[in-house]
Amino acid sequence: MSRIPIKDLKELANKNGQDIVIVFGADTDGHTTHVATWGRSIELCDRAARWGNSMKKQLGWPESLTKAEPSRVRKLQAKIKELEAQLEKVNP
């Protein structure tokens, strides 16, 4: 099974007026599963990812695969660290 494109989740959300979409996919024998999440804002994106991670835990996925963070959240966290470092230089 291929990955579920996030753009498809966004399209589904926009088509149906939703702010969060979580999709679970599996092959016919259940050996290959996939969870994809999308949220309209960074906050909702993070919430969807946490719910998706919880779903994966309930499904018995390995712990290492239950810590997904959306790229938008990672970018925001990196920007915050960058700004904090700049602020520290100005106000030591």
C-alpha atoms as a PDB file:
ATOM      1  CA  MET A   1       0.000   0.000   0.000  1.00  0.00           C
ATOM      2  CA  SER A   2       1.285   3.434  -0.828  1.00  0.00           C
ATOM      3  CA  ARG A   3       1.217   6.362   1.542  1.00  0.00           C
ATOM      4  CA  ILE A   4      -1.951   8.435   1.702  1.00  0.00           C
ATOM      5  CA  PRO A   5      -1.130  11.891   0.278  1.00  0.00           C
ATOM      6  CA  ILE A   6      -1.802  14.727   2.721  1.00  0.00           C
ATOM      7  CA  LYS A   7      -3.113  16.837  -0.179  1.00  0.00           C
ATOM      8  CA  ASP A   8      -5.922  14.282  -0.517  1.00  0.00           C
ATOM      9  CA  LEU A   9      -6.873  14.808   3.126  1.00  0.00           C
ATOM     10  CA  LYS A  10      -6.889  18.577   2.627  1.00  0.00           C
ATOM     11  CA  GLU A  11      -9.094  18.163  -0.431  1.00  0.00           C
ATOM     12  CA  LEU A  12     -11.465  15.908   1.528  1.00  0.00           C
ATOM     13  CA  ALA A  13     -11.620  18.448   4.363  1.00  0.00           C
ATOM     14  CA  ASN A  14     -12.312  21.364   2.034  1.00  0.00           C
ATOM     15  CA  LYS A  15     -14.945  19.413   0.099  1.00  0.00           C
ATOM     16  CA  ASN A  16     -16.788  18.446   3.296  1.00  0.00           C
ATOM     17  CA  GLY A  17     -16.235  21.525   5.484  1.00  0.00           C
ATOM     18  CA  GLN A  18     -13.994  19.777   8.021  1.00  0.00           C
ATOM     19  CA  ASP A  19     -11.075  21.208  10.014  1.00  0.00           C
ATOM     20  CA  ILE A  20      -9.414  17.903  10.953  1.00  0.00           C
ATOM     21  CA  VAL A  21      -9.140  14.691   8.934  1.00  0.00           C
ATOM     22  CA  ILE A  22      -7.646  11.405  10.145  1.00  0.00           C
ATOM     23  CA  VAL A  23      -7.563   8.501   7.696  1.00  0.00           C
ATOM     24  CA  PHE A  24      -6.762   4.878   8.452  1.00  0.00           C
ATOM     25  CA  GLY A  25      -5.961   2.603   5.546  1.00  0.00           C
ATOM     26  CA  ALA A  26      -5.178  -1.127   5.420  1.00  0.00           C
ATOM     27  CA  ASP A  27      -4.645  -3.814   2.841  1.00  0.00           C
ATOM     28  CA  THR A  28      -7.144  -6.681   2.710  1.00  0.00           C
ATOM     29  CA  ASP A  29      -5.229  -8.890   5.140  1.00  0.00           C
ATOM     30  CA  GLY A  30      -4.446  -6.063   7.572  1.00  0.00           C
ATOM     31  CA  HIS A  31      -0.681  -6.574   7.391  1.00  0.00           C
ATOM     32  CA  THR A  32      -0.007  -3.121   5.991  1.00  0.00           C
ATOM     33  CA  THR A  33      -1.685  -0.177   7.671  1.00  0.00           C
ATOM     34  CA  HIS A  34      -1.310   3.567   7.336  1.00  0.00           C
ATOM     35  CA  VAL A  35      -2.554   6.547   9.332  1.00  0.00           C
ATOM     36  CA  ALA A  36      -2.560  10.016   7.786  1.00  0.00           C
ATOM     37  CA  THR A  37      -3.656  13.244   9.491  1.00  0.00           C
ATOM     38  CA  TRP A  38      -4.366  16.823   8.444  1.00  0.00           C
ATOM     39  CA  GLY A  39      -5.497  19.940  10.309  1.00  0.00           C
ATOM     40  CA  ARG A  40      -6.501  23.325   8.924  1.00  0.00           C
ATOM     41  CA  SER A  41      -4.306  25.370  11.299  1.00  0.00           C
ATOM     42  CA  ILE A  42      -1.017  24.531  12.977  1.00  0.00           C
ATOM     43  CA  GLU A  43      -2.887  23.918  16.242  1.00  0.00           C
ATOM     44  CA  LEU A  44      -5.423  21.629  14.564  1.00  0.00           C
ATOM     45  CA  CYS A  45      -2.658  19.922  12.599  1.00  0.00           C
ATOM     46  CA  ASP A  46      -0.877  19.138  15.875  1.00  0.00           C
ATOM     47  CA  ARG A  47      -4.106  17.897  17.465  1.00  0.00           C
ATOM     48  CA  ALA A  48      -4.815  15.626  14.488  1.00  0.00           C
ATOM     49  CA  ALA A  49      -1.286  14.193  14.671  1.00  0.00           C
ATOM     50  CA  ARG A  50      -1.660  13.485  18.406  1.00  0.00           C
ATOM     51  CA  TRP A  51      -4.971  11.698  17.750  1.00  0.00           C
ATOM     52  CA  GLY A  52      -3.378   9.769  14.895  1.00  0.00           C
ATOM     53  CA  ASN A  53      -0.485   8.757  17.166  1.00  0.00           C
ATOM     54  CA  SER A  54      -2.989   7.605  19.779  1.00  0.00           C
ATOM     55  CA  MET A  55      -4.779   5.540  17.134  1.00  0.00           C
ATOM     56  CA  LYS A  56      -1.479   3.933  16.141  1.00  0.00           C
ATOM     57  CA  LYS A  57      -0.748   3.051  19.791  1.00  0.00           C
ATOM     58  CA  GLN A  58      -4.167   1.415  20.094  1.00  0.00           C
ATOM     59  CA  LEU A  59      -3.438  -0.572  16.933  1.00  0.00           C
ATOM     60  CA  GLY A  60      -0.201  -1.872  18.458  1.00  0.00           C
ATOM     61  CA  TRP A  61       2.243  -0.003  16.221  1.00  0.00           C
ATOM     62  CA  PRO A  62       5.874   0.139  17.432  1.00  0.00           C
ATOM     63  CA  GLU A  63       6.496   3.032  19.844  1.00  0.00           C
ATOM     64  CA  SER A  64       8.935   4.638  17.391  1.00  0.00           C
ATOM     65  CA  LEU A  65       6.097   5.093  14.881  1.00  0.00           C
ATOM     66  CA  THR A  66       3.701   6.731  17.349  1.00  0.00           C
ATOM     67  CA  LYS A  67       5.564  10.023  17.671  1.00  0.00           C
ATOM     68  CA  ALA A  68       4.768  11.661  14.319  1.00  0.00           C
ATOM     69  CA  GLU A  69       4.941  15.456  14.215  1.00  0.00           C
ATOM     70  CA  PRO A  70       3.550  17.460  11.314  1.00  0.00           C
ATOM     71  CA  SER A  71       6.116  19.353   9.239  1.00  0.00           C
ATOM     72  CA  ARG A  72       4.268  22.621   9.939  1.00  0.00           C
ATOM     73  CA  VAL A  73       4.713  22.051  13.676  1.00  0.00           C
ATOM     74  CA  ARG A  74       8.406  21.151  13.301  1.00  0.00           C
ATOM     75  CA  LYS A  75       9.010  24.300  11.232  1.00  0.00           C
ATOM     76  CA  LEU A  76       7.271  26.462  13.827  1.00  0.00           C
ATOM     77  CA  GLN A  77       9.294  24.893  16.656  1.00  0.00           C
ATOM     78  CA  ALA A  78      12.536  25.545  14.723  1.00  0.00           C
ATOM     79  CA  LYS A  79      11.523  29.166  14.114  1.00  0.00           C
ATOM     80  CA  ILE A  80      10.741  29.646  17.812  1.00  0.00           C
ATOM     81  CA  LYS A  81      14.191  28.300  18.763  1.00  0.00           C
ATOM     82  CA  GLU A  82      15.812  30.593  16.199  1.00  0.00           C
ATOM     83  CA  LEU A  83      13.960  33.637  17.558  1.00  0.00           C
ATOM     84  CA  GLU A  84      14.802  32.694  21.151  1.00  0.00           C
ATOM     85  CA  ALA A  85      18.501  32.486  20.220  1.00  0.00           C
ATOM     86  CA  GLN A  86      18.317  35.904  18.566  1.00  0.00           C
ATOM     87  CA  LEU A  87      16.544  37.345  21.597  1.00  0.00           C
ATOM     88  CA  GLU A  88      19.188  35.872  23.895  1.00  0.00           C
ATOM     89  CA  LYS A  89      21.892  37.721  21.926  1.00  0.00           C
ATOM     90  CA  VAL A  90      20.019  41.015  22.331  1.00  0.00           C
ATOM     91  CA  ASN A  91      19.087  40.485  26.005  1.00  0.00           C
ATOM     92  CA  PRO A  92      21.811  38.293  27.542  1.00  0.00           C
END
